[in-house]
Amino acid sequence: MEKRIDDFEVRRAHLKDLSDEELYNRFWELAHNIVQPMIELGKKNTSPSIERSVLLRMGFSSLEAKPIVEGVIDRGLMGKGCGNVVYKLAKTKNISIRDAGLMLVNNEGWDDVVELFRREDVTC
């Protein structure tokens, strides 16, 4: 068996002069760079079945989840996520997540949701 060459000092050369704070910031910068593609994939590659699954896990029935997902799709908000849409409406109205979802099921609150995300997109 061949002995492994220890190249630790060579590999760490670009980091050795960094302060603890600089190392900390470098770590989080690299972590962000690693996670960002996964976040983008999640935003761009969701599907109605995934979104229904999220709503089911939030406590909605399949009969309740279907019109929420359809409403989100109809309003071009799929990239925001159905669960996020329900959550943001609940927080804005200061009501429970369940009540916010049922509002959407009953075709109420959609104008508020569209406006909320329009404002959010403008400020980003």
N, C-alpha and C. Protein backbone atom coordinates (compact mmCIF):
# COMPACT_ATOMS: atom_id res chain seq x y z
N MET A 1 0.84 -1.17 0.00
CA MET A 1 0.00 0.00 0.00
C MET A 1 0.89 1.24 0.00
N GLU A 2 0.55 2.16 -0.89
CA GLU A 2 1.33 3.38 -1.02
C GLU A 2 0.91 4.40 0.04
N LYS A 3 1.90 5.07 0.63
CA LYS A 3 1.61 6.05 1.66
C LYS A 3 1.06 7.32 1.03
N ARG A 4 0.02 7.86 1.66
CA ARG A 4 -0.62 9.09 1.18
C ARG A 4 0.30 10.28 1.45
N ILE A 5 0.47 11.11 0.46
CA ILE A 5 1.28 12.31 0.62
C ILE A 5 0.44 13.35 1.34
N ASP A 6 0.98 13.91 2.42
CA ASP A 6 0.25 14.91 3.19
C ASP A 6 0.45 16.27 2.53
N ASP A 7 -0.62 16.78 1.94
CA ASP A 7 -0.54 18.07 1.26
C ASP A 7 -1.41 19.13 1.94
N PHE A 8 -1.69 18.92 3.22
CA PHE A 8 -2.55 19.82 3.97
C PHE A 8 -2.03 21.26 3.92
N GLU A 9 -0.76 21.44 4.15
CA GLU A 9 -0.19 22.80 4.17
C GLU A 9 -0.35 23.48 2.82
N VAL A 10 -0.23 22.74 1.73
CA VAL A 10 -0.39 23.31 0.39
C VAL A 10 -1.85 23.70 0.16
N ARG A 11 -2.76 22.81 0.55
CA ARG A 11 -4.19 23.06 0.32
C ARG A 11 -4.74 24.19 1.18
N ARG A 12 -4.14 24.46 2.33
CA ARG A 12 -4.66 25.50 3.20
C ARG A 12 -3.94 26.84 3.03
N ALA A 13 -2.98 26.90 2.14
CA ALA A 13 -2.16 28.10 1.97
C ALA A 13 -3.00 29.35 1.74
N HIS A 14 -4.06 29.25 0.95
CA HIS A 14 -4.88 30.43 0.64
C HIS A 14 -5.76 30.86 1.81
N LEU A 15 -5.81 30.05 2.87
CA LEU A 15 -6.65 30.37 4.03
C LEU A 15 -5.85 30.75 5.27
N LYS A 16 -4.58 30.44 5.30
CA LYS A 16 -3.82 30.54 6.55
C LYS A 16 -3.70 31.96 7.09
N ASP A 17 -3.78 32.96 6.25
CA ASP A 17 -3.64 34.34 6.72
C ASP A 17 -4.97 35.02 7.03
N LEU A 18 -6.08 34.28 6.93
CA LEU A 18 -7.38 34.87 7.20
C LEU A 18 -7.67 34.88 8.70
N SER A 19 -8.32 35.94 9.15
CA SER A 19 -8.72 36.02 10.56
C SER A 19 -9.90 35.08 10.80
N ASP A 20 -10.26 34.90 12.07
CA ASP A 20 -11.42 34.05 12.39
C ASP A 20 -12.68 34.60 11.73
N GLU A 21 -12.85 35.91 11.76
CA GLU A 21 -14.03 36.52 11.15
C GLU A 21 -14.02 36.30 9.63
N GLU A 22 -12.88 36.44 9.00
CA GLU A 22 -12.78 36.21 7.56
C GLU A 22 -13.05 34.75 7.21
N LEU A 23 -12.55 33.82 8.04
CA LEU A 23 -12.84 32.40 7.83
C LEU A 23 -14.33 32.12 7.99
N TYR A 24 -14.93 32.72 9.00
CA TYR A 24 -16.37 32.57 9.24
C TYR A 24 -17.16 33.05 8.01
N ASN A 25 -16.83 34.24 7.54
CA ASN A 25 -17.53 34.80 6.37
C ASN A 25 -17.28 33.96 5.12
N ARG A 26 -16.07 33.46 4.96
CA ARG A 26 -15.74 32.60 3.81
C ARG A 26 -16.55 31.31 3.86
N PHE A 27 -16.69 30.72 5.04
CA PHE A 27 -17.48 29.51 5.20
C PHE A 27 -18.92 29.75 4.75
N TRP A 28 -19.55 30.82 5.23
CA TRP A 28 -20.95 31.07 4.90
C TRP A 28 -21.12 31.46 3.43
N GLU A 29 -20.13 32.11 2.86
CA GLU A 29 -20.18 32.41 1.42
C GLU A 29 -20.17 31.11 0.61
N LEU A 30 -19.28 30.19 0.97
CA LEU A 30 -19.21 28.90 0.27
C LEU A 30 -20.48 28.09 0.50
N ALA A 31 -21.00 28.11 1.73
CA ALA A 31 -22.24 27.37 2.02
C ALA A 31 -23.38 27.93 1.18
N HIS A 32 -23.46 29.24 1.07
CA HIS A 32 -24.49 29.87 0.24
C HIS A 32 -24.34 29.44 -1.22
N ASN A 33 -23.11 29.43 -1.71
CA ASN A 33 -22.86 29.03 -3.11
C ASN A 33 -23.26 27.58 -3.37
N ILE A 34 -23.10 26.73 -2.37
CA ILE A 34 -23.47 25.32 -2.51
C ILE A 34 -24.99 25.15 -2.52
N VAL A 35 -25.67 25.87 -1.65
CA VAL A 35 -27.12 25.70 -1.48
C VAL A 35 -27.92 26.43 -2.55
N GLN A 36 -27.42 27.53 -3.06
CA GLN A 36 -28.18 28.37 -4.01
C GLN A 36 -28.70 27.59 -5.22
N PRO A 37 -27.94 26.73 -5.86
CA PRO A 37 -28.50 25.97 -6.98
C PRO A 37 -29.67 25.08 -6.57
N MET A 38 -29.63 24.54 -5.36
CA MET A 38 -30.74 23.71 -4.89
C MET A 38 -31.99 24.56 -4.67
N ILE A 39 -31.81 25.75 -4.16
CA ILE A 39 -32.94 26.66 -3.97
C ILE A 39 -33.54 27.02 -5.32
N GLU A 40 -32.69 27.32 -6.28
CA GLU A 40 -33.19 27.66 -7.63
C GLU A 40 -33.94 26.48 -8.24
N LEU A 41 -33.41 25.28 -8.08
CA LEU A 41 -34.11 24.09 -8.60
C LEU A 41 -35.48 23.95 -7.97
N GLY A 42 -35.56 24.16 -6.67
CA GLY A 42 -36.83 24.06 -5.97
C GLY A 42 -37.84 25.09 -6.44
N LYS A 43 -37.36 26.29 -6.75
CA LYS A 43 -38.26 27.35 -7.23
C LYS A 43 -38.76 27.07 -8.63
N LYS A 44 -37.90 26.53 -9.46
CA LYS A 44 -38.22 26.37 -10.88
C LYS A 44 -38.75 24.99 -11.25
N ASN A 45 -38.63 24.03 -10.36
CA ASN A 45 -38.97 22.66 -10.72
C ASN A 45 -40.00 22.02 -9.80
N THR A 46 -40.92 22.82 -9.33
CA THR A 46 -41.99 22.24 -8.54
C THR A 46 -43.08 21.76 -9.49
N SER A 47 -44.03 21.06 -8.95
CA SER A 47 -45.12 20.54 -9.77
C SER A 47 -46.40 20.59 -8.95
N PRO A 48 -47.54 20.49 -9.62
CA PRO A 48 -48.80 20.47 -8.86
C PRO A 48 -48.83 19.35 -7.82
N SER A 49 -48.30 18.18 -8.15
CA SER A 49 -48.34 17.08 -7.17
C SER A 49 -47.46 17.38 -5.97
N ILE A 50 -46.31 18.00 -6.18
CA ILE A 50 -45.44 18.37 -5.06
C ILE A 50 -46.15 19.40 -4.18
N GLU A 51 -46.77 20.39 -4.83
CA GLU A 51 -47.46 21.44 -4.08
C GLU A 51 -48.67 20.88 -3.32
N ARG A 52 -49.39 19.95 -3.91
CA ARG A 52 -50.50 19.30 -3.19
C ARG A 52 -49.97 18.56 -1.98
N SER A 53 -48.84 17.90 -2.16
CA SER A 53 -48.22 17.16 -1.05
C SER A 53 -47.85 18.10 0.10
N VAL A 54 -47.33 19.26 -0.23
CA VAL A 54 -46.99 20.25 0.80
C VAL A 54 -48.25 20.66 1.56
N LEU A 55 -49.31 20.94 0.82
CA LEU A 55 -50.56 21.35 1.46
C LEU A 55 -51.15 20.24 2.32
N LEU A 56 -51.03 19.00 1.88
CA LEU A 56 -51.50 17.88 2.69
C LEU A 56 -50.75 17.82 4.01
N ARG A 57 -49.45 18.08 3.96
CA ARG A 57 -48.65 18.07 5.18
C ARG A 57 -48.94 19.26 6.08
N MET A 58 -49.56 20.28 5.50
CA MET A 58 -49.98 21.44 6.29
C MET A 58 -51.36 21.21 6.91
N GLY A 59 -51.98 20.07 6.62
CA GLY A 59 -53.24 19.72 7.25
C GLY A 59 -54.47 19.86 6.38
N PHE A 60 -54.28 20.20 5.11
CA PHE A 60 -55.42 20.32 4.21
C PHE A 60 -55.73 18.96 3.59
N SER A 61 -57.00 18.73 3.28
CA SER A 61 -57.39 17.49 2.61
C SER A 61 -57.05 17.61 1.13
N SER A 62 -57.08 16.51 0.42
CA SER A 62 -56.82 16.55 -1.02
C SER A 62 -57.88 17.37 -1.74
N LEU A 63 -59.12 17.33 -1.24
CA LEU A 63 -60.18 18.14 -1.85
C LEU A 63 -59.97 19.62 -1.62
N GLU A 64 -59.33 19.98 -0.52
CA GLU A 64 -59.02 21.39 -0.25
C GLU A 64 -57.77 21.83 -0.99
N ALA A 65 -56.81 20.92 -1.10
CA ALA A 65 -55.53 21.27 -1.74
C ALA A 65 -55.70 21.56 -3.23
N LYS A 66 -56.57 20.82 -3.88
CA LYS A 66 -56.72 20.94 -5.34
C LYS A 66 -57.06 22.37 -5.77
N PRO A 67 -58.10 23.02 -5.21
CA PRO A 67 -58.39 24.38 -5.67
C PRO A 67 -57.32 25.40 -5.29
N ILE A 68 -56.59 25.15 -4.21
CA ILE A 68 -55.50 26.07 -3.85
C ILE A 68 -54.41 25.98 -4.91
N VAL A 69 -54.01 24.77 -5.27
CA VAL A 69 -52.97 24.58 -6.29
C VAL A 69 -53.44 25.18 -7.62
N GLU A 70 -54.66 24.93 -8.00
CA GLU A 70 -55.17 25.47 -9.26
C GLU A 70 -55.19 27.00 -9.24
N GLY A 71 -55.57 27.59 -8.11
CA GLY A 71 -55.57 29.05 -7.99
C GLY A 71 -54.18 29.63 -8.08
N VAL A 72 -53.21 28.96 -7.47
CA VAL A 72 -51.83 29.41 -7.53
C VAL A 72 -51.32 29.35 -8.97
N ILE A 73 -51.62 28.26 -9.66
CA ILE A 73 -51.20 28.11 -11.06
C ILE A 73 -51.86 29.19 -11.92
N ASP A 74 -53.16 29.39 -11.75
CA ASP A 74 -53.89 30.38 -12.55
C ASP A 74 -53.34 31.79 -12.39
N ARG A 75 -52.76 32.08 -11.24
CA ARG A 75 -52.26 33.42 -10.97
C ARG A 75 -50.75 33.54 -11.17
N GLY A 76 -50.13 32.50 -11.69
CA GLY A 76 -48.70 32.55 -11.99
C GLY A 76 -47.80 32.59 -10.77
N LEU A 77 -48.26 32.01 -9.67
CA LEU A 77 -47.50 32.05 -8.43
C LEU A 77 -46.84 30.73 -8.06
N MET A 78 -46.81 29.79 -9.00
CA MET A 78 -46.29 28.46 -8.68
C MET A 78 -44.86 28.51 -8.14
N GLY A 79 -44.05 29.41 -8.66
CA GLY A 79 -42.67 29.54 -8.19
C GLY A 79 -42.57 30.01 -6.75
N LYS A 80 -43.64 30.56 -6.22
CA LYS A 80 -43.66 31.01 -4.82
C LYS A 80 -43.96 29.86 -3.87
N GLY A 81 -44.62 28.82 -4.39
CA GLY A 81 -44.98 27.67 -3.56
C GLY A 81 -46.34 27.86 -2.92
N CYS A 82 -47.18 26.85 -3.04
CA CYS A 82 -48.55 26.93 -2.51
C CYS A 82 -48.56 27.09 -0.99
N GLY A 83 -47.72 26.35 -0.31
CA GLY A 83 -47.66 26.48 1.14
C GLY A 83 -47.24 27.88 1.56
N ASN A 84 -46.31 28.45 0.84
CA ASN A 84 -45.86 29.81 1.11
C ASN A 84 -46.98 30.81 0.86
N VAL A 85 -47.76 30.60 -0.19
CA VAL A 85 -48.88 31.48 -0.50
C VAL A 85 -49.87 31.47 0.67
N VAL A 86 -50.23 30.29 1.14
CA VAL A 86 -51.17 30.16 2.26
C VAL A 86 -50.58 30.80 3.51
N TYR A 87 -49.30 30.52 3.78
CA TYR A 87 -48.64 31.05 4.97
C TYR A 87 -48.62 32.58 4.96
N LYS A 88 -48.23 33.16 3.82
CA LYS A 88 -48.14 34.62 3.76
C LYS A 88 -49.51 35.28 3.91
N LEU A 89 -50.54 34.66 3.33
CA LEU A 89 -51.89 35.20 3.49
C LEU A 89 -52.29 35.14 4.96
N ALA A 90 -51.99 34.04 5.63
CA ALA A 90 -52.32 33.90 7.05
C ALA A 90 -51.64 34.98 7.88
N LYS A 91 -50.36 35.21 7.62
CA LYS A 91 -49.61 36.22 8.37
C LYS A 91 -50.14 37.62 8.09
N THR A 92 -50.45 37.91 6.83
CA THR A 92 -50.95 39.23 6.45
C THR A 92 -52.30 39.51 7.10
N LYS A 93 -53.16 38.51 7.13
CA LYS A 93 -54.52 38.67 7.68
C LYS A 93 -54.58 38.40 9.18
N ASN A 94 -53.46 37.93 9.74
CA ASN A 94 -53.39 37.58 11.16
C ASN A 94 -54.44 36.52 11.51
N ILE A 95 -54.50 35.49 10.68
CA ILE A 95 -55.41 34.37 10.89
C ILE A 95 -54.60 33.08 10.85
N SER A 96 -55.24 31.98 11.16
CA SER A 96 -54.53 30.70 11.15
C SER A 96 -54.25 30.27 9.70
N ILE A 97 -53.28 29.40 9.56
CA ILE A 97 -52.96 28.86 8.24
C ILE A 97 -54.17 28.13 7.67
N ARG A 98 -54.84 27.40 8.51
CA ARG A 98 -56.03 26.66 8.07
C ARG A 98 -57.09 27.62 7.54
N ASP A 99 -57.36 28.70 8.27
CA ASP A 99 -58.37 29.67 7.82
C ASP A 99 -57.95 30.35 6.52
N ALA A 100 -56.67 30.65 6.38
CA ALA A 100 -56.18 31.27 5.14
C ALA A 100 -56.37 30.32 3.96
N GLY A 101 -56.04 29.05 4.15
CA GLY A 101 -56.23 28.08 3.08
C GLY A 101 -57.69 27.92 2.70
N LEU A 102 -58.56 27.89 3.71
CA LEU A 102 -59.99 27.75 3.43
C LEU A 102 -60.55 28.99 2.73
N MET A 103 -59.98 30.17 3.02
CA MET A 103 -60.37 31.37 2.28
C MET A 103 -60.10 31.15 0.79
N LEU A 104 -58.89 30.67 0.49
CA LEU A 104 -58.52 30.46 -0.90
C LEU A 104 -59.39 29.39 -1.55
N VAL A 105 -59.70 28.34 -0.81
CA VAL A 105 -60.58 27.28 -1.33
C VAL A 105 -61.94 27.89 -1.71
N ASN A 106 -62.40 28.84 -0.90
CA ASN A 106 -63.68 29.50 -1.14
C ASN A 106 -63.57 30.69 -2.09
N ASN A 107 -62.44 30.76 -2.79
CA ASN A 107 -62.19 31.80 -3.79
C ASN A 107 -62.19 33.20 -3.18
N GLU A 108 -61.69 33.30 -1.96
CA GLU A 108 -61.56 34.58 -1.27
C GLU A 108 -60.07 34.83 -1.00
N GLY A 109 -59.67 36.08 -1.02
CA GLY A 109 -58.31 36.44 -0.65
C GLY A 109 -57.28 36.37 -1.77
N TRP A 110 -57.70 35.95 -2.95
CA TRP A 110 -56.72 35.82 -4.04
C TRP A 110 -56.15 37.17 -4.47
N ASP A 111 -56.97 38.21 -4.48
CA ASP A 111 -56.46 39.54 -4.83
C ASP A 111 -55.40 39.98 -3.83
N ASP A 112 -55.63 39.68 -2.56
CA ASP A 112 -54.64 40.03 -1.52
C ASP A 112 -53.33 39.30 -1.76
N VAL A 113 -53.43 38.02 -2.11
CA VAL A 113 -52.23 37.20 -2.35
C VAL A 113 -51.45 37.75 -3.53
N VAL A 114 -52.14 38.02 -4.62
CA VAL A 114 -51.46 38.54 -5.82
C VAL A 114 -50.77 39.86 -5.49
N GLU A 115 -51.45 40.74 -4.79
CA GLU A 115 -50.86 42.04 -4.42
C GLU A 115 -49.68 41.86 -3.49
N LEU A 116 -49.81 40.96 -2.54
CA LEU A 116 -48.73 40.70 -1.59
C LEU A 116 -47.45 40.27 -2.30
N PHE A 117 -47.57 39.33 -3.23
CA PHE A 117 -46.38 38.85 -3.92
C PHE A 117 -45.89 39.85 -4.97
N ARG A 118 -46.77 40.65 -5.52
CA ARG A 118 -46.35 41.70 -6.45
C ARG A 118 -45.47 42.71 -5.70
N ARG A 119 -45.93 43.11 -4.51
CA ARG A 119 -45.15 44.06 -3.70
C ARG A 119 -43.81 43.45 -3.30
N GLU A 120 -43.83 42.17 -2.95
CA GLU A 120 -42.61 41.47 -2.54
C GLU A 120 -41.60 41.45 -3.68
N ASP A 121 -42.08 41.17 -4.91
CA ASP A 121 -41.19 41.12 -6.07
C ASP A 121 -40.60 42.49 -6.38
N VAL A 122 -41.36 43.53 -6.14
CA VAL A 122 -40.89 44.90 -6.42
C VAL A 122 -39.79 45.30 -5.44
N THR A 123 -39.93 44.89 -4.18
CA THR A 123 -38.95 45.28 -3.17
C THR A 123 -37.69 44.44 -3.19
N CYS A 124 -37.71 43.30 -3.86
CA CYS A 124 -36.52 42.43 -3.89
C CYS A 124 -35.48 42.94 -4.85
